[in-house]
Amino acid sequence: MLRTRSTPDPAGPILAAAAIAAAGVAALGVPVSSEHQWVTWVISGAALLVSGAGLGVLIWKQVANPWVRERQMKEPYNAYFRRDDSGSGPSELNVPAHSTVQIQVNRHVTVTHTEHELIFGFEGGAKPLPQSWRNIFVSVGRTSAVDPKESETHSIDDKGNYHIKEDHTRVQGNDYTAGFMVQTRAPGRYPIRLVTISDAGESRPSNQLALVVQPADT
């Protein structure tokens, strides 16, 4: 089930803004003698300045900021194939057909978020099929390799997509690697489906990855 984010009620900041504006108007009506008229204008100007600043903060917190984050969270990371520890890699990877290959996908996070689910798969007819999880950073331990048949959080759906339903905090500026054992089939170019379900809904990388399956004799 997809997790959705509640939309802020616009009535809240509007009512608060009205209260702030009313305070500014009240300041304008302060009765003072004509020889101290300048005091009225100073107080009025300060009141309007404060009310305007307050209104700006309210609009940003309850309207603009959630809107900006929602747009950023559509593509909160970029992705590439990890080859070594160089820190970057290609967006396409060549592998042989009819083989079991290991694929490491790295995600560089640009917006901090809480990840609830990771979905990995391919698009196309005779597309490759993920078989299991492989963590190259763990040599010994339960998380070094995960068989979805024996895991409560790992599964493969009827379309061949691999699901990992676990909560993780993904911090801006950090890199996170996901590894899979994949069974290739017919030669072709297969775009990768990489989706995360987060606290802001469904997210995808800012760039497209693809697996190029070549005939075994090339």
N, C-alpha and C. Protein backbone atom coordinates (compact mmCIF):
# COMPACT_ATOMS: atom_id res chain seq x y z
N MET A 1 0.85 -1.19 0.00
CA MET A 1 0.00 0.00 0.00
C MET A 1 0.88 1.24 0.00
N LEU A 2 0.59 2.20 -0.88
CA LEU A 2 1.37 3.42 -0.95
C LEU A 2 1.04 4.32 0.22
N ARG A 3 2.07 4.98 0.76
CA ARG A 3 1.88 5.90 1.85
C ARG A 3 1.76 7.30 1.27
N THR A 4 0.75 8.02 1.68
CA THR A 4 0.50 9.35 1.14
C THR A 4 0.75 10.40 2.20
N ARG A 5 1.07 11.60 1.76
CA ARG A 5 1.35 12.69 2.66
C ARG A 5 0.16 13.61 2.69
N SER A 6 -0.26 14.02 3.89
CA SER A 6 -1.42 14.90 4.03
C SER A 6 -1.11 16.27 3.49
N THR A 7 -2.10 16.91 2.89
CA THR A 7 -1.94 18.24 2.32
C THR A 7 -2.31 19.28 3.36
N PRO A 8 -1.44 20.31 3.59
CA PRO A 8 -1.74 21.32 4.61
C PRO A 8 -3.02 22.05 4.30
N ASP A 9 -3.79 22.35 5.35
CA ASP A 9 -5.03 23.07 5.20
C ASP A 9 -4.73 24.56 4.98
N PRO A 10 -5.07 25.13 3.80
CA PRO A 10 -4.75 26.53 3.53
C PRO A 10 -5.50 27.49 4.44
N ALA A 11 -6.58 27.02 5.10
CA ALA A 11 -7.35 27.91 5.96
C ALA A 11 -6.55 28.36 7.18
N GLY A 12 -5.64 27.50 7.64
CA GLY A 12 -4.85 27.84 8.82
C GLY A 12 -4.04 29.11 8.64
N PRO A 13 -3.13 29.14 7.62
CA PRO A 13 -2.34 30.35 7.44
C PRO A 13 -3.16 31.57 7.07
N ILE A 14 -4.30 31.37 6.40
CA ILE A 14 -5.14 32.50 6.02
C ILE A 14 -5.74 33.15 7.25
N LEU A 15 -6.26 32.33 8.19
CA LEU A 15 -6.84 32.88 9.41
C LEU A 15 -5.77 33.56 10.27
N ALA A 16 -4.60 32.92 10.34
CA ALA A 16 -3.53 33.52 11.13
C ALA A 16 -3.08 34.83 10.51
N ALA A 17 -3.00 34.86 9.18
CA ALA A 17 -2.60 36.08 8.49
C ALA A 17 -3.61 37.19 8.75
N ALA A 18 -4.90 36.81 8.78
CA ALA A 18 -5.94 37.80 9.04
C ALA A 18 -5.78 38.40 10.44
N ALA A 19 -5.42 37.55 11.41
CA ALA A 19 -5.22 38.05 12.77
C ALA A 19 -4.05 39.01 12.84
N ILE A 20 -2.95 38.65 12.12
CA ILE A 20 -1.77 39.52 12.10
C ILE A 20 -2.10 40.85 11.44
N ALA A 21 -2.82 40.77 10.32
CA ALA A 21 -3.19 41.99 9.62
C ALA A 21 -4.09 42.87 10.48
N ALA A 22 -4.98 42.23 11.24
CA ALA A 22 -5.88 42.99 12.11
C ALA A 22 -5.09 43.74 13.18
N ALA A 23 -4.00 43.09 13.64
CA ALA A 23 -3.16 43.76 14.63
C ALA A 23 -2.50 45.00 14.03
N GLY A 24 -2.09 44.87 12.76
CA GLY A 24 -1.49 46.01 12.09
C GLY A 24 -2.47 47.14 11.88
N VAL A 25 -3.69 46.79 11.52
CA VAL A 25 -4.72 47.81 11.32
C VAL A 25 -5.04 48.50 12.63
N ALA A 26 -5.10 47.71 13.72
CA ALA A 26 -5.37 48.29 15.03
C ALA A 26 -4.30 49.30 15.41
N ALA A 27 -3.05 48.98 15.04
CA ALA A 27 -1.96 49.90 15.35
C ALA A 27 -2.14 51.21 14.60
N LEU A 28 -2.66 51.14 13.38
CA LEU A 28 -2.89 52.35 12.60
C LEU A 28 -3.90 53.26 13.27
N GLY A 29 -4.81 52.69 14.05
CA GLY A 29 -5.87 53.49 14.64
C GLY A 29 -5.58 53.99 16.04
N VAL A 30 -4.31 53.91 16.46
CA VAL A 30 -3.97 54.37 17.82
C VAL A 30 -4.17 55.88 17.91
N PRO A 31 -5.01 56.38 18.78
CA PRO A 31 -5.26 57.82 18.87
C PRO A 31 -4.15 58.53 19.62
N VAL A 32 -3.52 59.50 18.98
CA VAL A 32 -2.47 60.30 19.61
C VAL A 32 -2.67 61.73 19.18
N SER A 33 -2.04 62.64 19.90
CA SER A 33 -2.18 64.05 19.57
C SER A 33 -1.45 64.37 18.29
N SER A 34 -1.87 65.46 17.63
CA SER A 34 -1.32 65.80 16.33
C SER A 34 0.17 66.09 16.39
N GLU A 35 0.65 66.64 17.55
CA GLU A 35 2.08 66.96 17.63
C GLU A 35 2.95 65.70 17.74
N HIS A 36 2.30 64.58 18.03
CA HIS A 36 3.02 63.31 18.07
C HIS A 36 2.58 62.36 16.95
N GLN A 37 2.19 62.98 15.85
CA GLN A 37 1.71 62.17 14.71
C GLN A 37 2.79 61.21 14.21
N TRP A 38 4.07 61.65 14.29
CA TRP A 38 5.15 60.80 13.78
C TRP A 38 5.26 59.51 14.57
N VAL A 39 4.88 59.58 15.86
CA VAL A 39 4.92 58.35 16.66
C VAL A 39 3.95 57.32 16.11
N THR A 40 2.76 57.82 15.71
CA THR A 40 1.75 56.92 15.12
C THR A 40 2.30 56.22 13.89
N TRP A 41 2.97 56.98 13.03
CA TRP A 41 3.49 56.38 11.80
C TRP A 41 4.61 55.40 12.10
N VAL A 42 5.44 55.67 13.07
CA VAL A 42 6.51 54.73 13.42
C VAL A 42 5.92 53.42 13.93
N ILE A 43 4.94 53.55 14.84
CA ILE A 43 4.31 52.35 15.39
C ILE A 43 3.58 51.58 14.29
N SER A 44 2.88 52.32 13.44
CA SER A 44 2.12 51.67 12.37
C SER A 44 3.05 50.95 11.40
N GLY A 45 4.16 51.65 11.03
CA GLY A 45 5.11 51.00 10.11
C GLY A 45 5.71 49.74 10.70
N ALA A 46 6.07 49.80 11.99
CA ALA A 46 6.63 48.62 12.64
C ALA A 46 5.63 47.48 12.71
N ALA A 47 4.37 47.83 12.99
CA ALA A 47 3.34 46.80 13.08
C ALA A 47 3.11 46.13 11.73
N LEU A 48 3.09 46.94 10.68
CA LEU A 48 2.90 46.38 9.33
C LEU A 48 4.09 45.53 8.92
N LEU A 49 5.31 45.97 9.30
CA LEU A 49 6.50 45.20 8.98
C LEU A 49 6.47 43.84 9.66
N VAL A 50 6.10 43.84 10.94
CA VAL A 50 6.03 42.58 11.69
C VAL A 50 4.94 41.68 11.13
N SER A 51 3.78 42.26 10.82
CA SER A 51 2.69 41.44 10.29
C SER A 51 3.05 40.87 8.93
N GLY A 52 3.75 41.66 8.09
CA GLY A 52 4.16 41.15 6.78
C GLY A 52 5.16 40.02 6.91
N ALA A 53 6.11 40.20 7.84
CA ALA A 53 7.10 39.14 8.05
C ALA A 53 6.43 37.87 8.57
N GLY A 54 5.50 38.05 9.51
CA GLY A 54 4.78 36.88 10.03
C GLY A 54 3.99 36.17 8.97
N LEU A 55 3.35 36.95 8.10
CA LEU A 55 2.58 36.34 7.01
C LEU A 55 3.50 35.57 6.07
N GLY A 56 4.69 36.15 5.79
CA GLY A 56 5.63 35.45 4.92
C GLY A 56 6.09 34.13 5.50
N VAL A 57 6.37 34.12 6.81
CA VAL A 57 6.79 32.88 7.47
C VAL A 57 5.69 31.84 7.43
N LEU A 58 4.45 32.26 7.68
CA LEU A 58 3.33 31.32 7.66
C LEU A 58 3.13 30.72 6.28
N ILE A 59 3.19 31.56 5.26
CA ILE A 59 3.01 31.07 3.89
C ILE A 59 4.11 30.08 3.54
N TRP A 60 5.36 30.39 3.92
CA TRP A 60 6.47 29.50 3.61
C TRP A 60 6.33 28.15 4.31
N LYS A 61 6.01 28.19 5.62
CA LYS A 61 5.96 26.96 6.39
C LYS A 61 4.80 26.06 5.98
N GLN A 62 3.64 26.63 5.70
CA GLN A 62 2.45 25.82 5.50
C GLN A 62 2.04 25.66 4.04
N VAL A 63 2.60 26.47 3.17
CA VAL A 63 2.20 26.38 1.76
C VAL A 63 3.41 26.16 0.86
N ALA A 64 4.34 27.12 0.85
CA ALA A 64 5.46 27.07 -0.09
C ALA A 64 6.43 25.95 0.21
N ASN A 65 6.84 25.82 1.49
CA ASN A 65 7.83 24.80 1.83
C ASN A 65 7.35 23.38 1.52
N PRO A 66 6.13 22.98 1.91
CA PRO A 66 5.66 21.64 1.53
C PRO A 66 5.57 21.46 0.02
N TRP A 67 5.21 22.52 -0.70
CA TRP A 67 5.10 22.43 -2.16
C TRP A 67 6.48 22.22 -2.78
N VAL A 68 7.48 22.96 -2.27
CA VAL A 68 8.85 22.80 -2.79
C VAL A 68 9.36 21.40 -2.49
N ARG A 69 9.15 20.91 -1.27
CA ARG A 69 9.62 19.58 -0.91
C ARG A 69 8.93 18.50 -1.75
N GLU A 70 7.64 18.67 -1.98
CA GLU A 70 6.92 17.69 -2.78
C GLU A 70 7.51 17.58 -4.18
N ARG A 71 7.87 18.71 -4.76
CA ARG A 71 8.48 18.70 -6.09
C ARG A 71 9.88 18.08 -6.04
N GLN A 72 10.67 18.42 -5.02
CA GLN A 72 12.01 17.86 -4.89
C GLN A 72 11.96 16.34 -4.68
N MET A 73 10.95 15.87 -3.96
CA MET A 73 10.86 14.46 -3.63
C MET A 73 10.40 13.60 -4.80
N LYS A 74 10.05 14.19 -5.90
CA LYS A 74 9.74 13.39 -7.10
C LYS A 74 11.01 12.73 -7.62
N GLU A 75 12.16 13.42 -7.44
CA GLU A 75 13.46 12.88 -7.87
C GLU A 75 14.50 13.23 -6.80
N PRO A 76 14.48 12.55 -5.65
CA PRO A 76 15.35 12.93 -4.54
C PRO A 76 16.76 12.33 -4.58
N TYR A 77 17.13 11.71 -5.68
CA TYR A 77 18.47 11.13 -5.80
C TYR A 77 18.79 10.88 -7.26
N ASN A 78 20.07 10.78 -7.57
CA ASN A 78 20.48 10.31 -8.89
C ASN A 78 21.14 8.95 -8.73
N ALA A 79 21.18 8.19 -9.79
CA ALA A 79 21.62 6.80 -9.69
C ALA A 79 22.65 6.47 -10.76
N TYR A 80 23.48 5.49 -10.46
CA TYR A 80 24.46 5.00 -11.43
C TYR A 80 24.88 3.59 -11.02
N PHE A 81 25.45 2.86 -11.97
CA PHE A 81 25.94 1.52 -11.68
C PHE A 81 27.29 1.63 -10.96
N ARG A 82 27.43 0.92 -9.88
CA ARG A 82 28.67 0.95 -9.12
C ARG A 82 29.61 -0.13 -9.64
N ARG A 83 30.81 0.29 -9.99
CA ARG A 83 31.81 -0.67 -10.47
C ARG A 83 32.92 -0.91 -9.44
N ASP A 84 33.31 0.17 -8.76
CA ASP A 84 34.38 0.07 -7.76
C ASP A 84 34.16 1.17 -6.72
N ASP A 85 35.21 1.60 -6.07
CA ASP A 85 35.11 2.63 -5.04
C ASP A 85 35.43 4.02 -5.58
N SER A 86 35.35 4.21 -6.91
CA SER A 86 35.70 5.50 -7.49
C SER A 86 34.67 6.58 -7.18
N GLY A 87 33.44 6.17 -6.79
CA GLY A 87 32.42 7.15 -6.40
C GLY A 87 31.43 7.48 -7.48
N SER A 88 31.69 7.06 -8.70
CA SER A 88 30.73 7.32 -9.78
C SER A 88 30.81 6.16 -10.77
N GLY A 89 29.83 6.11 -11.66
CA GLY A 89 29.80 5.03 -12.62
C GLY A 89 28.88 5.36 -13.77
N PRO A 90 28.73 4.43 -14.70
CA PRO A 90 27.92 4.69 -15.90
C PRO A 90 26.43 4.56 -15.63
N SER A 91 25.65 5.07 -16.56
CA SER A 91 24.20 4.92 -16.48
C SER A 91 23.72 3.72 -17.31
N GLU A 92 24.64 3.10 -18.05
CA GLU A 92 24.34 1.87 -18.78
C GLU A 92 25.39 0.82 -18.45
N LEU A 93 24.96 -0.43 -18.40
CA LEU A 93 25.86 -1.53 -18.06
C LEU A 93 25.65 -2.66 -19.04
N ASN A 94 26.75 -3.17 -19.64
CA ASN A 94 26.68 -4.27 -20.59
C ASN A 94 26.89 -5.60 -19.88
N VAL A 95 25.99 -6.54 -20.11
CA VAL A 95 26.08 -7.87 -19.50
C VAL A 95 25.73 -8.92 -20.55
N PRO A 96 26.18 -10.16 -20.38
CA PRO A 96 25.86 -11.22 -21.35
C PRO A 96 24.44 -11.75 -21.19
N ALA A 97 23.89 -12.25 -22.29
CA ALA A 97 22.54 -12.82 -22.27
C ALA A 97 22.56 -14.20 -21.63
N HIS A 98 21.41 -14.61 -21.11
CA HIS A 98 21.20 -15.94 -20.54
C HIS A 98 22.26 -16.26 -19.48
N SER A 99 22.46 -15.30 -18.58
CA SER A 99 23.46 -15.45 -17.53
C SER A 99 22.93 -14.88 -16.22
N THR A 100 23.55 -15.30 -15.12
CA THR A 100 23.25 -14.71 -13.81
C THR A 100 24.36 -13.71 -13.50
N VAL A 101 23.98 -12.46 -13.34
CA VAL A 101 24.97 -11.39 -13.14
C VAL A 101 24.65 -10.65 -11.85
N GLN A 102 25.67 -10.04 -11.28
CA GLN A 102 25.49 -9.22 -10.09
C GLN A 102 25.48 -7.75 -10.50
N ILE A 103 24.48 -7.02 -10.04
CA ILE A 103 24.34 -5.60 -10.37
C ILE A 103 24.31 -4.78 -9.09
N GLN A 104 25.14 -3.76 -9.05
CA GLN A 104 25.18 -2.85 -7.91
C GLN A 104 24.73 -1.46 -8.37
N VAL A 105 23.63 -0.98 -7.81
CA VAL A 105 23.10 0.34 -8.16
C VAL A 105 23.33 1.29 -7.00
N ASN A 106 23.99 2.39 -7.28
CA ASN A 106 24.28 3.38 -6.25
C ASN A 106 23.33 4.56 -6.39
N ARG A 107 22.85 5.06 -5.25
CA ARG A 107 21.98 6.25 -5.23
C ARG A 107 22.64 7.36 -4.43
N HIS A 108 22.82 8.51 -5.06
CA HIS A 108 23.35 9.69 -4.39
C HIS A 108 22.17 10.58 -4.02
N VAL A 109 21.93 10.73 -2.71
CA VAL A 109 20.73 11.42 -2.23
C VAL A 109 20.91 12.93 -2.28
N THR A 110 19.93 13.62 -2.83
CA THR A 110 19.94 15.09 -2.91
C THR A 110 18.92 15.73 -1.97
N VAL A 111 17.98 14.93 -1.46
CA VAL A 111 16.98 15.43 -0.51
C VAL A 111 16.83 14.40 0.61
N THR A 112 17.04 14.79 1.85
CA THR A 112 16.88 13.87 2.97
C THR A 112 15.43 13.40 3.08
N HIS A 113 15.24 12.09 3.27
CA HIS A 113 13.88 11.55 3.37
C HIS A 113 13.91 10.21 4.08
N THR A 114 12.74 9.73 4.44
CA THR A 114 12.58 8.42 5.05
C THR A 114 12.04 7.46 4.01
N GLU A 115 12.81 6.44 3.72
CA GLU A 115 12.41 5.44 2.73
C GLU A 115 11.67 4.30 3.41
N HIS A 116 10.50 3.93 2.86
CA HIS A 116 9.72 2.83 3.40
C HIS A 116 9.81 1.57 2.53
N GLU A 117 10.04 1.78 1.24
CA GLU A 117 10.09 0.64 0.34
C GLU A 117 10.95 0.97 -0.88
N LEU A 118 11.73 -0.01 -1.33
CA LEU A 118 12.53 0.12 -2.55
C LEU A 118 12.04 -0.92 -3.55
N ILE A 119 11.82 -0.48 -4.78
CA ILE A 119 11.35 -1.36 -5.85
C ILE A 119 12.37 -1.33 -6.98
N PHE A 120 12.82 -2.51 -7.39
CA PHE A 120 13.83 -2.63 -8.44
C PHE A 120 13.36 -3.64 -9.48
N GLY A 121 13.45 -3.26 -10.74
CA GLY A 121 13.06 -4.17 -11.81
C GLY A 121 13.47 -3.62 -13.16
N PHE A 122 12.91 -4.22 -14.22
CA PHE A 122 13.25 -3.83 -15.58
C PHE A 122 11.99 -3.67 -16.41
N GLU A 123 12.13 -2.96 -17.53
CA GLU A 123 11.04 -2.79 -18.48
C GLU A 123 11.40 -3.47 -19.79
N GLY A 124 10.38 -3.98 -20.49
CA GLY A 124 10.63 -4.64 -21.75
C GLY A 124 10.03 -6.03 -21.80
N GLY A 125 10.10 -6.66 -22.97
CA GLY A 125 9.49 -7.97 -23.18
C GLY A 125 10.21 -9.06 -22.40
N ALA A 126 11.33 -9.54 -22.99
CA ALA A 126 12.10 -10.60 -22.33
C ALA A 126 13.09 -9.98 -21.36
N LYS A 127 12.57 -9.16 -20.45
CA LYS A 127 13.41 -8.39 -19.54
C LYS A 127 14.15 -9.28 -18.54
N PRO A 128 15.29 -8.83 -18.04
CA PRO A 128 15.99 -9.56 -16.98
C PRO A 128 15.13 -9.63 -15.72
N LEU A 129 15.40 -10.63 -14.89
CA LEU A 129 14.60 -10.85 -13.69
C LEU A 129 15.49 -10.86 -12.45
N PRO A 130 15.26 -9.95 -11.50
CA PRO A 130 16.00 -9.99 -10.23
C PRO A 130 15.67 -11.28 -9.48
N GLN A 131 16.71 -11.88 -8.87
CA GLN A 131 16.52 -13.15 -8.17
C GLN A 131 16.69 -13.02 -6.66
N SER A 132 17.66 -12.21 -6.24
CA SER A 132 17.94 -12.09 -4.81
C SER A 132 18.74 -10.82 -4.54
N TRP A 133 18.93 -10.52 -3.26
CA TRP A 133 19.68 -9.35 -2.81
C TRP A 133 21.12 -9.75 -2.53
N ARG A 134 22.06 -8.87 -2.90
CA ARG A 134 23.47 -9.13 -2.61
C ARG A 134 24.14 -7.85 -2.13
N ASN A 135 24.68 -7.88 -0.91
CA ASN A 135 25.33 -6.72 -0.31
C ASN A 135 26.85 -6.93 -0.35
N ILE A 136 27.54 -6.19 -1.21
CA ILE A 136 28.98 -6.39 -1.38
C ILE A 136 29.78 -5.86 -0.19
N PHE A 137 29.13 -5.07 0.68
CA PHE A 137 29.85 -4.49 1.80
C PHE A 137 29.82 -5.39 3.05
N VAL A 138 29.09 -6.49 2.97
CA VAL A 138 29.04 -7.45 4.09
C VAL A 138 29.56 -8.78 3.59
N SER A 139 30.69 -9.23 4.17
CA SER A 139 31.28 -10.50 3.73
C SER A 139 30.68 -11.69 4.47
N VAL A 140 30.34 -11.49 5.75
CA VAL A 140 29.74 -12.55 6.55
C VAL A 140 28.58 -11.96 7.33
N GLY A 141 27.42 -12.58 7.27
CA GLY A 141 26.26 -12.09 7.99
C GLY A 141 24.97 -12.33 7.22
N ARG A 142 23.86 -12.17 7.91
CA ARG A 142 22.56 -12.45 7.30
C ARG A 142 22.22 -11.48 6.17
N THR A 143 22.77 -10.25 6.23
CA THR A 143 22.44 -9.25 5.21
C THR A 143 23.38 -9.28 4.00
N SER A 144 24.38 -10.18 4.00
CA SER A 144 25.28 -10.24 2.85
C SER A 144 24.55 -10.76 1.62
N ALA A 145 23.61 -11.66 1.83
CA ALA A 145 22.79 -12.19 0.74
C ALA A 145 21.41 -12.52 1.30
N VAL A 146 20.37 -12.09 0.61
CA VAL A 146 19.00 -12.31 1.08
C VAL A 146 18.21 -13.00 -0.02
N ASP A 147 17.61 -14.13 0.34
CA ASP A 147 16.71 -14.85 -0.57
C ASP A 147 15.28 -14.42 -0.24
N PRO A 148 14.56 -13.85 -1.21
CA PRO A 148 13.20 -13.38 -0.90
C PRO A 148 12.26 -14.49 -0.43
N LYS A 149 12.59 -15.74 -0.72
CA LYS A 149 11.76 -16.85 -0.26
C LYS A 149 11.88 -17.05 1.25
N GLU A 150 12.96 -16.52 1.83
CA GLU A 150 13.20 -16.72 3.25
C GLU A 150 13.19 -15.42 4.04
N SER A 151 12.67 -14.35 3.45
CA SER A 151 12.69 -13.05 4.10
C SER A 151 11.27 -12.50 4.24
N GLU A 152 11.03 -11.79 5.34
CA GLU A 152 9.73 -11.17 5.55
C GLU A 152 9.64 -9.79 4.89
N THR A 153 10.79 -9.20 4.58
CA THR A 153 10.79 -7.85 4.02
C THR A 153 11.15 -7.81 2.54
N HIS A 154 11.67 -8.91 2.01
CA HIS A 154 12.04 -8.99 0.60
C HIS A 154 11.01 -9.86 -0.14
N SER A 155 10.64 -9.42 -1.35
CA SER A 155 9.68 -10.20 -2.15
C SER A 155 9.82 -9.83 -3.62
N ILE A 156 9.25 -10.67 -4.48
CA ILE A 156 9.22 -10.42 -5.93
C ILE A 156 7.76 -10.51 -6.38
N ASP A 157 7.27 -9.47 -7.05
CA ASP A 157 5.87 -9.48 -7.46
C ASP A 157 5.67 -10.24 -8.76
N ASP A 158 4.40 -10.30 -9.22
CA ASP A 158 4.08 -11.09 -10.40
C ASP A 158 4.59 -10.47 -11.70
N LYS A 159 5.13 -9.26 -11.65
CA LYS A 159 5.70 -8.61 -12.82
C LYS A 159 7.23 -8.68 -12.82
N GLY A 160 7.78 -9.38 -11.84
CA GLY A 160 9.23 -9.54 -11.79
C GLY A 160 9.97 -8.42 -11.10
N ASN A 161 9.26 -7.55 -10.37
CA ASN A 161 9.92 -6.46 -9.63
C ASN A 161 10.29 -6.91 -8.23
N TYR A 162 11.48 -6.51 -7.81
CA TYR A 162 11.97 -6.88 -6.48
C TYR A 162 11.59 -5.79 -5.49
N HIS A 163 10.99 -6.17 -4.35
CA HIS A 163 10.54 -5.22 -3.33
C HIS A 163 11.30 -5.45 -2.03
N ILE A 164 11.72 -4.33 -1.41
CA ILE A 164 12.32 -4.37 -0.08
C ILE A 164 11.54 -3.40 0.79
N LYS A 165 10.75 -3.92 1.71
CA LYS A 165 9.93 -3.08 2.58
C LYS A 165 10.60 -2.93 3.93
N GLU A 166 11.44 -1.91 4.01
CA GLU A 166 12.17 -1.61 5.24
C GLU A 166 12.29 -0.09 5.38
N ASP A 167 12.24 0.40 6.61
CA ASP A 167 12.36 1.84 6.85
C ASP A 167 13.83 2.23 7.02
N HIS A 168 14.25 3.23 6.24
CA HIS A 168 15.61 3.73 6.31
C HIS A 168 15.59 5.24 6.12
N THR A 169 16.45 5.94 6.85
CA THR A 169 16.63 7.37 6.65
C THR A 169 17.73 7.58 5.63
N ARG A 170 17.41 8.29 4.55
CA ARG A 170 18.37 8.58 3.50
C ARG A 170 18.77 10.05 3.61
N VAL A 171 20.04 10.29 3.89
CA VAL A 171 20.52 11.63 4.21
C VAL A 171 21.14 12.30 2.98
N GLN A 172 20.80 13.55 2.80
CA GLN A 172 21.33 14.33 1.69
C GLN A 172 22.85 14.32 1.68
N GLY A 173 23.43 14.05 0.50
CA GLY A 173 24.87 14.02 0.35
C GLY A 173 25.48 12.65 0.49
N ASN A 174 24.73 11.69 1.03
CA ASN A 174 25.24 10.33 1.21
C ASN A 174 24.90 9.45 0.01
N ASP A 175 25.68 8.36 -0.12
CA ASP A 175 25.46 7.39 -1.18
C ASP A 175 25.01 6.06 -0.57
N TYR A 176 24.07 5.40 -1.23
CA TYR A 176 23.55 4.12 -0.76
C TYR A 176 23.52 3.14 -1.93
N THR A 177 24.06 1.95 -1.69
CA THR A 177 24.17 0.95 -2.75
C THR A 177 23.19 -0.19 -2.53
N ALA A 178 22.51 -0.57 -3.60
CA ALA A 178 21.61 -1.73 -3.58
C ALA A 178 22.12 -2.75 -4.58
N GLY A 179 22.33 -3.98 -4.12
CA GLY A 179 22.88 -5.01 -4.99
C GLY A 179 21.89 -6.14 -5.24
N PHE A 180 21.89 -6.66 -6.47
CA PHE A 180 20.95 -7.72 -6.83
C PHE A 180 21.64 -8.74 -7.73
N MET A 181 21.23 -9.99 -7.56
CA MET A 181 21.59 -11.03 -8.52
C MET A 181 20.46 -11.09 -9.55
N VAL A 182 20.84 -10.98 -10.82
CA VAL A 182 19.85 -10.83 -11.89
C VAL A 182 20.07 -11.91 -12.95
N GLN A 183 18.96 -12.51 -13.38
CA GLN A 183 18.99 -13.49 -14.47
C GLN A 183 18.64 -12.80 -15.78
N THR A 184 19.60 -12.74 -16.70
CA THR A 184 19.33 -12.13 -18.00
C THR A 184 18.74 -13.16 -18.95
N ARG A 185 18.04 -12.64 -19.96
CA ARG A 185 17.43 -13.54 -20.95
C ARG A 185 17.83 -13.09 -22.35
N ALA A 186 16.90 -12.63 -23.15
CA ALA A 186 17.20 -12.27 -24.54
C ALA A 186 18.01 -10.97 -24.60
N PRO A 187 18.86 -10.83 -25.63
CA PRO A 187 19.61 -9.58 -25.81
C PRO A 187 18.66 -8.40 -26.03
N GLY A 188 19.11 -7.22 -25.63
CA GLY A 188 18.31 -6.01 -25.80
C GLY A 188 18.71 -4.96 -24.77
N ARG A 189 18.10 -3.80 -24.90
CA ARG A 189 18.36 -2.71 -23.95
C ARG A 189 17.13 -2.58 -23.06
N TYR A 190 17.32 -2.74 -21.74
CA TYR A 190 16.21 -2.77 -20.82
C TYR A 190 16.34 -1.64 -19.77
N PRO A 191 15.48 -0.61 -19.84
CA PRO A 191 15.49 0.44 -18.82
C PRO A 191 15.19 -0.14 -17.44
N ILE A 192 15.85 0.40 -16.45
CA ILE A 192 15.66 -0.08 -15.08
C ILE A 192 14.54 0.70 -14.41
N ARG A 193 13.70 -0.01 -13.71
CA ARG A 193 12.64 0.60 -12.90
C ARG A 193 13.12 0.66 -11.47
N LEU A 194 13.45 1.87 -11.02
CA LEU A 194 13.94 2.08 -9.66
C LEU A 194 13.02 3.08 -8.97
N VAL A 195 12.25 2.59 -8.00
CA VAL A 195 11.23 3.42 -7.34
C VAL A 195 11.39 3.28 -5.83
N THR A 196 11.25 4.39 -5.12
CA THR A 196 11.21 4.35 -3.67
C THR A 196 9.88 4.93 -3.19
N ILE A 197 9.32 4.29 -2.18
CA ILE A 197 8.13 4.80 -1.50
C ILE A 197 8.62 5.44 -0.21
N SER A 198 8.40 6.75 -0.07
CA SER A 198 8.96 7.49 1.05
C SER A 198 7.86 8.21 1.82
N ASP A 199 8.29 9.07 2.75
CA ASP A 199 7.34 9.87 3.52
C ASP A 199 6.63 10.89 2.65
N ALA A 200 7.10 11.08 1.42
CA ALA A 200 6.46 12.04 0.50
C ALA A 200 5.78 11.35 -0.67
N GLY A 201 5.66 10.03 -0.62
CA GLY A 201 5.00 9.31 -1.70
C GLY A 201 5.99 8.55 -2.57
N GLU A 202 5.72 8.50 -3.87
CA GLU A 202 6.53 7.73 -4.81
C GLU A 202 7.62 8.61 -5.41
N SER A 203 8.85 8.10 -5.42
CA SER A 203 9.99 8.87 -5.94
C SER A 203 10.78 8.01 -6.91
N ARG A 204 11.47 8.70 -7.85
CA ARG A 204 12.31 8.05 -8.83
C ARG A 204 13.63 8.82 -8.95
N PRO A 205 14.66 8.20 -9.53
CA PRO A 205 15.93 8.93 -9.71
C PRO A 205 15.79 10.02 -10.75
N SER A 206 16.71 10.97 -10.70
CA SER A 206 16.67 12.08 -11.65
C SER A 206 17.18 11.67 -13.03
N ASN A 207 17.78 10.50 -13.14
CA ASN A 207 18.29 10.02 -14.43
C ASN A 207 17.84 8.58 -14.65
N GLN A 208 17.92 8.13 -15.90
CA GLN A 208 17.46 6.79 -16.27
C GLN A 208 18.64 5.84 -16.41
N LEU A 209 18.54 4.69 -15.75
CA LEU A 209 19.53 3.63 -15.91
C LEU A 209 19.00 2.58 -16.88
N ALA A 210 19.94 1.87 -17.53
CA ALA A 210 19.53 0.81 -18.46
C ALA A 210 20.56 -0.30 -18.45
N LEU A 211 20.07 -1.52 -18.57
CA LEU A 211 20.93 -2.71 -18.66
C LEU A 211 20.92 -3.16 -20.12
N VAL A 212 22.13 -3.24 -20.71
CA VAL A 212 22.25 -3.66 -22.11
C VAL A 212 22.69 -5.12 -22.11
N VAL A 213 21.77 -5.98 -22.52
CA VAL A 213 22.06 -7.42 -22.57
C VAL A 213 22.54 -7.77 -23.97
N GLN A 214 23.75 -8.29 -24.05
CA GLN A 214 24.38 -8.61 -25.33
C GLN A 214 24.44 -10.11 -25.54
N PRO A 215 24.48 -10.53 -26.80
CA PRO A 215 24.64 -11.97 -27.07
C PRO A 215 25.87 -12.52 -26.37
N ALA A 216 25.78 -13.72 -25.88
CA ALA A 216 26.85 -14.29 -25.04
C ALA A 216 28.18 -14.37 -25.76
N ASP A 217 28.20 -14.42 -27.08
CA ASP A 217 29.48 -14.58 -27.80
C ASP A 217 30.12 -13.26 -28.17
N THR A 218 29.58 -12.11 -27.69
CA THR A 218 30.18 -10.81 -28.02
C THR A 218 31.04 -10.31 -26.86
